[in-house]
Amino acid sequence: DNIPYTATMLPIIAALSRDLGIEPYVLYFGLLTGATLGGNITPVGASANIAGIGLLRKEGYEVKNSDFFKIGIPFTIVAVLAGYIYIWLVWRP
């Protein structure tokens, strides 16, 4: 799941940026982007996706990967762009 992974990577990114002598913002931003992309684009990228697809299947609906991508990819593009803009406006280094 992307939440435990993100939480696990935060101190690693802090240590890595400290050891390299760089600001951690770019690395944190990359982590945020990667977690968002994986969770929204793929059917198995987040626990909620797996649970939701399971509930749909239980009710008789079949969710194909191509159907998931048709919704997930545009949503992710909009969500990530909105997040980029928000982060850029609020936390400019």
PDB file of N, CA and C in Angstrom:
ATOM      1  N   ASP A   1       0.843  -1.181   0.000  1.00  0.00           N
ATOM      2  CA  ASP A   1       0.000   0.000   0.000  1.00  0.00           C
ATOM      3  C   ASP A   1       0.884   1.238   0.000  1.00  0.00           C
ATOM      4  N   ASN A   2       0.417   2.297  -0.609  1.00  0.00           N
ATOM      5  CA  ASN A   2       1.254   3.482  -0.775  1.00  0.00           C
ATOM      6  C   ASN A   2       1.431   4.305   0.505  1.00  0.00           C
ATOM      7  N   ILE A   3       0.525   4.211   1.459  1.00  0.00           N
ATOM      8  CA  ILE A   3       0.666   5.001   2.694  1.00  0.00           C
ATOM      9  C   ILE A   3       1.799   4.467   3.569  1.00  0.00           C
ATOM     10  N   PRO A   4       1.844   3.162   3.877  1.00  0.00           N
ATOM     11  CA  PRO A   4       2.994   2.669   4.652  1.00  0.00           C
ATOM     12  C   PRO A   4       4.329   2.872   3.931  1.00  0.00           C
ATOM     13  N   TYR A   5       4.306   2.700   2.618  1.00  0.00           N
ATOM     14  CA  TYR A   5       5.540   2.912   1.847  1.00  0.00           C
ATOM     15  C   TYR A   5       5.999   4.364   1.969  1.00  0.00           C
ATOM     16  N   THR A   6       5.080   5.290   1.812  1.00  0.00           N
ATOM     17  CA  THR A   6       5.423   6.707   1.909  1.00  0.00           C
ATOM     18  C   THR A   6       5.945   7.036   3.300  1.00  0.00           C
ATOM     19  N   ALA A   7       5.266   6.543   4.325  1.00  0.00           N
ATOM     20  CA  ALA A   7       5.703   6.795   5.703  1.00  0.00           C
ATOM     21  C   ALA A   7       7.085   6.201   5.964  1.00  0.00           C
ATOM     22  N   THR A   8       7.354   5.050   5.396  1.00  0.00           N
ATOM     23  CA  THR A   8       8.657   4.413   5.565  1.00  0.00           C
ATOM     24  C   THR A   8       9.758   5.192   4.857  1.00  0.00           C
ATOM     25  N   MET A   9       9.447   5.752   3.717  1.00  0.00           N
ATOM     26  CA  MET A   9      10.449   6.452   2.916  1.00  0.00           C
ATOM     27  C   MET A   9      10.781   7.854   3.429  1.00  0.00           C
ATOM     28  N   LEU A  10       9.916   8.464   4.235  1.00  0.00           N
ATOM     29  CA  LEU A  10      10.165   9.835   4.701  1.00  0.00           C
ATOM     30  C   LEU A  10      11.500   9.980   5.434  1.00  0.00           C
ATOM     31  N   PRO A  11      11.792   9.140   6.450  1.00  0.00           N
ATOM     32  CA  PRO A  11      13.092   9.300   7.113  1.00  0.00           C
ATOM     33  C   PRO A  11      14.272   8.934   6.213  1.00  0.00           C
ATOM     34  N   ILE A  12      14.056   8.023   5.282  1.00  0.00           N
ATOM     35  CA  ILE A  12      15.125   7.657   4.348  1.00  0.00           C
ATOM     36  C   ILE A  12      15.454   8.839   3.446  1.00  0.00           C
ATOM     37  N   ILE A  13      14.430   9.513   2.967  1.00  0.00           N
ATOM     38  CA  ILE A  13      14.652  10.699   2.127  1.00  0.00           C
ATOM     39  C   ILE A  13      15.332  11.802   2.927  1.00  0.00           C
ATOM     40  N   ALA A  14      14.923  11.975   4.180  1.00  0.00           N
ATOM     41  CA  ALA A  14      15.557  12.996   5.021  1.00  0.00           C
ATOM     42  C   ALA A  14      17.046  12.696   5.192  1.00  0.00           C
ATOM     43  N   ALA A  15      17.380  11.439   5.472  1.00  0.00           N
ATOM     44  CA  ALA A  15      18.785  11.060   5.648  1.00  0.00           C
ATOM     45  C   ALA A  15      19.558  11.188   4.341  1.00  0.00           C
ATOM     46  N   LEU A  16      18.959  10.769   3.251  1.00  0.00           N
ATOM     47  CA  LEU A  16      19.609  10.847   1.945  1.00  0.00           C
ATOM     48  C   LEU A  16      19.904  12.292   1.564  1.00  0.00           C
ATOM     49  N   SER A  17      18.938  13.158   1.751  1.00  0.00           N
ATOM     50  CA  SER A  17      19.154  14.567   1.398  1.00  0.00           C
ATOM     51  C   SER A  17      20.196  15.207   2.313  1.00  0.00           C
ATOM     52  N   ARG A  18      20.192  14.814   3.586  1.00  0.00           N
ATOM     53  CA  ARG A  18      21.195  15.335   4.516  1.00  0.00           C
ATOM     54  C   ARG A  18      22.598  14.866   4.105  1.00  0.00           C
ATOM     55  N   ASP A  19      22.728  13.570   3.776  1.00  0.00           N
ATOM     56  CA  ASP A  19      24.028  13.026   3.380  1.00  0.00           C
ATOM     57  C   ASP A  19      24.537  13.627   2.071  1.00  0.00           C
ATOM     58  N   LEU A  20      23.623  13.933   1.161  1.00  0.00           N
ATOM     59  CA  LEU A  20      24.009  14.519  -0.124  1.00  0.00           C
ATOM     60  C   LEU A  20      24.159  16.036  -0.055  1.00  0.00           C
ATOM     61  N   GLY A  21      23.699  16.631   1.047  1.00  0.00           N
ATOM     62  CA  GLY A  21      23.786  18.078   1.201  1.00  0.00           C
ATOM     63  C   GLY A  21      22.841  18.841   0.296  1.00  0.00           C
ATOM     64  N   ILE A  22      21.669  18.260   0.048  1.00  0.00           N
ATOM     65  CA  ILE A  22      20.680  18.916  -0.813  1.00  0.00           C
ATOM     66  C   ILE A  22      19.391  19.139  -0.031  1.00  0.00           C
ATOM     67  N   GLU A  23      18.583  20.053  -0.528  1.00  0.00           N
ATOM     68  CA  GLU A  23      17.267  20.269   0.066  1.00  0.00           C
ATOM     69  C   GLU A  23      16.381  19.060  -0.251  1.00  0.00           C
ATOM     70  N   PRO A  24      15.584  18.612   0.697  1.00  0.00           N
ATOM     71  CA  PRO A  24      14.790  17.400   0.474  1.00  0.00           C
ATOM     72  C   PRO A  24      13.526  17.612  -0.349  1.00  0.00           C
ATOM     73  N   TYR A  25      13.180  18.861  -0.680  1.00  0.00           N
ATOM     74  CA  TYR A  25      11.895  19.138  -1.319  1.00  0.00           C
ATOM     75  C   TYR A  25      11.675  18.351  -2.610  1.00  0.00           C
ATOM     76  N   VAL A  26      12.693  18.290  -3.446  1.00  0.00           N
ATOM     77  CA  VAL A  26      12.541  17.587  -4.724  1.00  0.00           C
ATOM     78  C   VAL A  26      12.303  16.100  -4.482  1.00  0.00           C
ATOM     79  N   LEU A  27      13.022  15.526  -3.533  1.00  0.00           N
ATOM     80  CA  LEU A  27      12.850  14.100  -3.239  1.00  0.00           C
ATOM     81  C   LEU A  27      11.481  13.821  -2.624  1.00  0.00           C
ATOM     82  N   TYR A  28      11.042  14.684  -1.722  1.00  0.00           N
ATOM     83  CA  TYR A  28       9.698  14.519  -1.148  1.00  0.00           C
ATOM     84  C   TYR A  28       8.632  14.635  -2.235  1.00  0.00           C
ATOM     85  N   PHE A  29       8.845  15.565  -3.132  1.00  0.00           N
ATOM     86  CA  PHE A  29       7.899  15.767  -4.222  1.00  0.00           C
ATOM     87  C   PHE A  29       7.842  14.537  -5.122  1.00  0.00           C
ATOM     88  N   GLY A  30       8.989  13.949  -5.403  1.00  0.00           N
ATOM     89  CA  GLY A  30       9.033  12.723  -6.195  1.00  0.00           C
ATOM     90  C   GLY A  30       8.329  11.572  -5.502  1.00  0.00           C
ATOM     91  N   LEU A  31       8.505  11.464  -4.197  1.00  0.00           N
ATOM     92  CA  LEU A  31       7.816  10.427  -3.425  1.00  0.00           C
ATOM     93  C   LEU A  31       6.310  10.634  -3.472  1.00  0.00           C
ATOM     94  N   LEU A  32       5.885  11.857  -3.291  1.00  0.00           N
ATOM     95  CA  LEU A  32       4.461  12.180  -3.351  1.00  0.00           C
ATOM     96  C   LEU A  32       3.875  11.840  -4.717  1.00  0.00           C
ATOM     97  N   THR A  33       4.591  12.200  -5.751  1.00  0.00           N
ATOM     98  CA  THR A  33       4.123  11.926  -7.108  1.00  0.00           C
ATOM     99  C   THR A  33       4.036  10.435  -7.373  1.00  0.00           C
ATOM    100  N   GLY A  34       5.065   9.708  -7.005  1.00  0.00           N
ATOM    101  CA  GLY A  34       5.073   8.266  -7.230  1.00  0.00           C
ATOM    102  C   GLY A  34       3.968   7.550  -6.485  1.00  0.00           C
ATOM    103  N   ALA A  35       3.739   7.935  -5.245  1.00  0.00           N
ATOM    104  CA  ALA A  35       2.674   7.304  -4.463  1.00  0.00           C
ATOM    105  C   ALA A  35       1.305   7.611  -5.055  1.00  0.00           C
ATOM    106  N   THR A  36       1.120   8.818  -5.521  1.00  0.00           N
ATOM    107  CA  THR A  36      -0.158   9.194  -6.123  1.00  0.00           C
ATOM    108  C   THR A  36      -0.392   8.466  -7.432  1.00  0.00           C
ATOM    109  N   LEU A  37       0.618   8.426  -8.270  1.00  0.00           N
ATOM    110  CA  LEU A  37       0.470   7.772  -9.571  1.00  0.00           C
ATOM    111  C   LEU A  37       0.149   6.293  -9.417  1.00  0.00           C
ATOM    112  N   GLY A  38       0.899   5.609  -8.597  1.00  0.00           N
ATOM    113  CA  GLY A  38       0.669   4.176  -8.427  1.00  0.00           C
ATOM    114  C   GLY A  38      -0.675   3.857  -7.812  1.00  0.00           C
ATOM    115  N   GLY A  39      -1.111   4.669  -6.886  1.00  0.00           N
ATOM    116  CA  GLY A  39      -2.384   4.417  -6.222  1.00  0.00           C
ATOM    117  C   GLY A  39      -3.600   4.687  -7.082  1.00  0.00           C
ATOM    118  N   ASN A  40      -3.495   5.642  -7.976  1.00  0.00           N
ATOM    119  CA  ASN A  40      -4.657   6.017  -8.781  1.00  0.00           C
ATOM    120  C   ASN A  40      -4.718   5.356 -10.146  1.00  0.00           C
ATOM    121  N   ILE A  41      -3.598   5.051 -10.725  1.00  0.00           N
ATOM    122  CA  ILE A  41      -3.597   4.547 -12.097  1.00  0.00           C
ATOM    123  C   ILE A  41      -3.865   3.050 -12.168  1.00  0.00           C
ATOM    124  N   THR A  42      -3.335   2.290 -11.221  1.00  0.00           N
ATOM    125  CA  THR A  42      -3.435   0.833 -11.324  1.00  0.00           C
ATOM    126  C   THR A  42      -4.504   0.264 -10.399  1.00  0.00           C
ATOM    127  N   PRO A  43      -5.155  -0.805 -10.818  1.00  0.00           N
ATOM    128  CA  PRO A  43      -6.184  -1.427  -9.972  1.00  0.00           C
ATOM    129  C   PRO A  43      -5.627  -1.995  -8.667  1.00  0.00           C
ATOM    130  N   VAL A  44      -4.357  -2.370  -8.646  1.00  0.00           N
ATOM    131  CA  VAL A  44      -3.771  -2.944  -7.438  1.00  0.00           C
ATOM    132  C   VAL A  44      -2.841  -1.960  -6.731  1.00  0.00           C
ATOM    133  N   GLY A  45      -2.885  -0.686  -7.106  1.00  0.00           N
ATOM    134  CA  GLY A  45      -1.992   0.312  -6.540  1.00  0.00           C
ATOM    135  C   GLY A  45      -2.377   0.798  -5.158  1.00  0.00           C
ATOM    136  N   ALA A  46      -3.579   0.531  -4.731  1.00  0.00           N
ATOM    137  CA  ALA A  46      -4.031   0.945  -3.403  1.00  0.00           C
ATOM    138  C   ALA A  46      -5.056  -0.058  -2.884  1.00  0.00           C
ATOM    139  N   SER A  47      -5.082  -0.205  -1.582  1.00  0.00           N
ATOM    140  CA  SER A  47      -6.026  -1.140  -0.957  1.00  0.00           C
ATOM    141  C   SER A  47      -7.467  -0.794  -1.294  1.00  0.00           C
ATOM    142  N   ALA A  48      -7.766   0.488  -1.363  1.00  0.00           N
ATOM    143  CA  ALA A  48      -9.136   0.908  -1.675  1.00  0.00           C
ATOM    144  C   ALA A  48      -9.548   0.454  -3.072  1.00  0.00           C
ATOM    145  N   ASN A  49      -8.615   0.470  -4.006  1.00  0.00           N
ATOM    146  CA  ASN A  49      -8.927  -0.002  -5.359  1.00  0.00           C
ATOM    147  C   ASN A  49      -9.277  -1.486  -5.347  1.00  0.00           C
ATOM    148  N   ILE A  50      -8.485  -2.266  -4.651  1.00  0.00           N
ATOM    149  CA  ILE A  50      -8.721  -3.708  -4.579  1.00  0.00           C
ATOM    150  C   ILE A  50     -10.058  -3.992  -3.909  1.00  0.00           C
ATOM    151  N   ALA A  51     -10.325  -3.292  -2.806  1.00  0.00           N
ATOM    152  CA  ALA A  51     -11.596  -3.493  -2.098  1.00  0.00           C
ATOM    153  C   ALA A  51     -12.776  -3.064  -2.962  1.00  0.00           C
ATOM    154  N   GLY A  52     -12.659  -1.926  -3.617  1.00  0.00           N
ATOM    155  CA  GLY A  52     -13.743  -1.434  -4.467  1.00  0.00           C
ATOM    156  C   GLY A  52     -14.035  -2.360  -5.632  1.00  0.00           C
ATOM    157  N   ILE A  53     -12.997  -2.851  -6.274  1.00  0.00           N
ATOM    158  CA  ILE A  53     -13.190  -3.786  -7.383  1.00  0.00           C
ATOM    159  C   ILE A  53     -13.792  -5.089  -6.877  1.00  0.00           C
ATOM    160  N   GLY A  54     -13.376  -5.514  -5.692  1.00  0.00           N
ATOM    161  CA  GLY A  54     -13.964  -6.717  -5.095  1.00  0.00           C
ATOM    162  C   GLY A  54     -15.449  -6.556  -4.832  1.00  0.00           C
ATOM    163  N   LEU A  55     -15.843  -5.402  -4.324  1.00  0.00           N
ATOM    164  CA  LEU A  55     -17.267  -5.140  -4.086  1.00  0.00           C
ATOM    165  C   LEU A  55     -18.052  -5.102  -5.390  1.00  0.00           C
ATOM    166  N   LEU A  56     -17.493  -4.493  -6.403  1.00  0.00           N
ATOM    167  CA  LEU A  56     -18.164  -4.455  -7.707  1.00  0.00           C
ATOM    168  C   LEU A  56     -18.330  -5.860  -8.282  1.00  0.00           C
ATOM    169  N   ARG A  57     -17.302  -6.667  -8.167  1.00  0.00           N
ATOM    170  CA  ARG A  57     -17.388  -8.044  -8.672  1.00  0.00           C
ATOM    171  C   ARG A  57     -18.431  -8.843  -7.900  1.00  0.00           C
ATOM    172  N   LYS A  58     -18.495  -8.602  -6.610  1.00  0.00           N
ATOM    173  CA  LYS A  58     -19.487  -9.296  -5.775  1.00  0.00           C
ATOM    174  C   LYS A  58     -20.907  -8.955  -6.217  1.00  0.00           C
ATOM    175  N   GLU A  59     -21.092  -7.742  -6.713  1.00  0.00           N
ATOM    176  CA  GLU A  59     -22.406  -7.301  -7.190  1.00  0.00           C
ATOM    177  C   GLU A  59     -22.644  -7.649  -8.661  1.00  0.00           C
ATOM    178  N   GLY A  60     -21.691  -8.326  -9.265  1.00  0.00           N
ATOM    179  CA  GLY A  60     -21.880  -8.782 -10.634  1.00  0.00           C
ATOM    180  C   GLY A  60     -21.274  -7.915 -11.718  1.00  0.00           C
ATOM    181  N   TYR A  61     -20.531  -6.893 -11.336  1.00  0.00           N
ATOM    182  CA  TYR A  61     -19.881  -6.024 -12.322  1.00  0.00           C
ATOM    183  C   TYR A  61     -18.448  -6.501 -12.545  1.00  0.00           C
ATOM    184  N   GLU A  62     -18.052  -6.539 -13.791  1.00  0.00           N
ATOM    185  CA  GLU A  62     -16.677  -6.912 -14.122  1.00  0.00           C
ATOM    186  C   GLU A  62     -15.895  -5.647 -14.449  1.00  0.00           C
ATOM    187  N   VAL A  63     -14.767  -5.472 -13.796  1.00  0.00           N
ATOM    188  CA  VAL A  63     -13.920  -4.303 -14.034  1.00  0.00           C
ATOM    189  C   VAL A  63     -12.640  -4.785 -14.717  1.00  0.00           C
ATOM    190  N   LYS A  64     -12.480  -4.413 -15.965  1.00  0.00           N
ATOM    191  CA  LYS A  64     -11.273  -4.756 -16.713  1.00  0.00           C
ATOM    192  C   LYS A  64     -10.206  -3.697 -16.446  1.00  0.00           C
ATOM    193  N   ASN A  65      -8.957  -4.102 -16.586  1.00  0.00           N
ATOM    194  CA  ASN A  65      -7.872  -3.139 -16.415  1.00  0.00           C
ATOM    195  C   ASN A  65      -8.030  -1.956 -17.360  1.00  0.00           C
ATOM    196  N   SER A  66      -8.411  -2.223 -18.596  1.00  0.00           N
ATOM    197  CA  SER A  66      -8.566  -1.129 -19.565  1.00  0.00           C
ATOM    198  C   SER A  66      -9.651  -0.144 -19.130  1.00  0.00           C
ATOM    199  N   ASP A  67     -10.725  -0.656 -18.533  1.00  0.00           N
ATOM    200  CA  ASP A  67     -11.779   0.229 -18.018  1.00  0.00           C
ATOM    201  C   ASP A  67     -11.268   1.069 -16.855  1.00  0.00           C
ATOM    202  N   PHE A  68     -10.490   0.440 -15.986  1.00  0.00           N
ATOM    203  CA  PHE A  68      -9.933   1.152 -14.842  1.00  0.00           C
ATOM    204  C   PHE A  68      -8.996   2.258 -15.321  1.00  0.00           C
ATOM    205  N   PHE A  69      -8.156   1.939 -16.313  1.00  0.00           N
ATOM    206  CA  PHE A  69      -7.215   2.926 -16.838  1.00  0.00           C
ATOM    207  C   PHE A  69      -7.929   4.099 -17.496  1.00  0.00           C
ATOM    208  N   LYS A  70      -9.042   3.859 -18.155  1.00  0.00           N
ATOM    209  CA  LYS A  70      -9.790   4.929 -18.823  1.00  0.00           C
ATOM    210  C   LYS A  70     -10.258   5.986 -17.830  1.00  0.00           C
ATOM    211  N   ILE A  71     -10.528   5.565 -16.617  1.00  0.00           N
ATOM    212  CA  ILE A  71     -10.943   6.508 -15.578  1.00  0.00           C
ATOM    213  C   ILE A  71      -9.744   6.962 -14.754  1.00  0.00           C
ATOM    214  N   GLY A  72      -8.875   6.023 -14.400  1.00  0.00           N
ATOM    215  CA  GLY A  72      -7.758   6.311 -13.513  1.00  0.00           C
ATOM    216  C   GLY A  72      -6.733   7.269 -14.077  1.00  0.00           C
ATOM    217  N   ILE A  73      -6.401   7.114 -15.344  1.00  0.00           N
ATOM    218  CA  ILE A  73      -5.359   7.968 -15.925  1.00  0.00           C
ATOM    219  C   ILE A  73      -5.793   9.433 -16.018  1.00  0.00           C
ATOM    220  N   PRO A  74      -6.971   9.748 -16.584  1.00  0.00           N
ATOM    221  CA  PRO A  74      -7.375  11.169 -16.602  1.00  0.00           C
ATOM    222  C   PRO A  74      -7.527  11.757 -15.192  1.00  0.00           C
ATOM    223  N   PHE A  75      -8.106  10.972 -14.284  1.00  0.00           N
ATOM    224  CA  PHE A  75      -8.251  11.453 -12.907  1.00  0.00           C
ATOM    225  C   PHE A  75      -6.887  11.749 -12.299  1.00  0.00           C
ATOM    226  N   THR A  76      -5.942  10.859 -12.504  1.00  0.00           N
ATOM    227  CA  THR A  76      -4.614  11.040 -11.939  1.00  0.00           C
ATOM    228  C   THR A  76      -3.923  12.260 -12.521  1.00  0.00           C
ATOM    229  N   ILE A  77      -4.057  12.470 -13.805  1.00  0.00           N
ATOM    230  CA  ILE A  77      -3.444  13.647 -14.429  1.00  0.00           C
ATOM    231  C   ILE A  77      -3.989  14.926 -13.803  1.00  0.00           C
ATOM    232  N   VAL A  78      -5.295  15.010 -13.652  1.00  0.00           N
ATOM    233  CA  VAL A  78      -5.911  16.197 -13.050  1.00  0.00           C
ATOM    234  C   VAL A  78      -5.493  16.336 -11.589  1.00  0.00           C
ATOM    235  N   ALA A  79      -5.524  15.236 -10.841  1.00  0.00           N
ATOM    236  CA  ALA A  79      -5.182  15.284  -9.418  1.00  0.00           C
ATOM    237  C   ALA A  79      -3.723  15.669  -9.203  1.00  0.00           C
ATOM    238  N   VAL A  80      -2.829  15.096  -9.983  1.00  0.00           N
ATOM    239  CA  VAL A  80      -1.410  15.400  -9.828  1.00  0.00           C
ATOM    240  C   VAL A  80      -1.120  16.844 -10.230  1.00  0.00           C
ATOM    241  N   LEU A  81      -1.699  17.309 -11.314  1.00  0.00           N
ATOM    242  CA  LEU A  81      -1.494  18.710 -11.709  1.00  0.00           C
ATOM    243  C   LEU A  81      -2.020  19.668 -10.649  1.00  0.00           C
ATOM    244  N   ALA A  82      -3.188  19.381 -10.108  1.00  0.00           N
ATOM    245  CA  ALA A  82      -3.732  20.226  -9.036  1.00  0.00           C
ATOM    246  C   ALA A  82      -2.812  20.202  -7.821  1.00  0.00           C
ATOM    247  N   GLY A  83      -2.314  19.030  -7.488  1.00  0.00           N
ATOM    248  CA  GLY A  83      -1.379  18.922  -6.366  1.00  0.00           C
ATOM    249  C   GLY A  83      -0.085  19.671  -6.616  1.00  0.00           C
ATOM    250  N   TYR A  84       0.457  19.556  -7.826  1.00  0.00           N
ATOM    251  CA  TYR A  84       1.668  20.295  -8.184  1.00  0.00           C
ATOM    252  C   TYR A  84       1.466  21.793  -8.006  1.00  0.00           C
ATOM    253  N   ILE A  85       0.373  22.287  -8.535  1.00  0.00           N
ATOM    254  CA  ILE A  85       0.097  23.723  -8.451  1.00  0.00           C
ATOM    255  C   ILE A  85      -0.049  24.160  -6.999  1.00  0.00           C
ATOM    256  N   TYR A  86      -0.788  23.388  -6.218  1.00  0.00           N
ATOM    257  CA  TYR A  86      -0.979  23.724  -4.806  1.00  0.00           C
ATOM    258  C   TYR A  86       0.354  23.740  -4.065  1.00  0.00           C
ATOM    259  N   ILE A  87       1.128  22.693  -4.235  1.00  0.00           N
ATOM    260  CA  ILE A  87       2.419  22.615  -3.546  1.00  0.00           C
ATOM    261  C   ILE A  87       3.333  23.742  -4.005  1.00  0.00           C
ATOM    262  N   TRP A  88       3.349  24.016  -5.289  1.00  0.00           N
ATOM    263  CA  TRP A  88       4.200  25.084  -5.806  1.00  0.00           C
ATOM    264  C   TRP A  88       3.799  26.437  -5.224  1.00  0.00           C
ATOM    265  N   LEU A  89       2.497  26.688  -5.101  1.00  0.00           N
ATOM    266  CA  LEU A  89       2.033  27.970  -4.574  1.00  0.00           C
ATOM    267  C   LEU A  89       2.248  28.099  -3.074  1.00  0.00           C
ATOM    268  N   VAL A  90       2.082  27.005  -2.343  1.00  0.00           N
ATOM    269  CA  VAL A  90       2.144  27.072  -0.885  1.00  0.00           C
ATOM    270  C   VAL A  90       3.563  26.889  -0.350  1.00  0.00           C
ATOM    271  N   TRP A  91       4.305  25.947  -0.910  1.00  0.00           N
ATOM    272  CA  TRP A  91       5.616  25.599  -0.353  1.00  0.00           C
ATOM    273  C   TRP A  91       6.759  25.856  -1.316  1.00  0.00           C
ATOM    274  N   ARG A  92       6.806  27.006  -1.896  1.00  0.00           N
ATOM    275  CA  ARG A  92       7.944  27.334  -2.758  1.00  0.00           C
ATOM    276  C   ARG A  92       9.180  27.516  -1.895  1.00  0.00           C
ATOM    277  N   PRO A  93      10.269  26.825  -2.257  1.00  0.00           N
ATOM    278  CA  PRO A  93      11.507  26.997  -1.449  1.00  0.00           C
ATOM    279  C   PRO A  93      12.148  28.344  -1.677  1.00  0.00           C
TER     280      PRO A  93
END
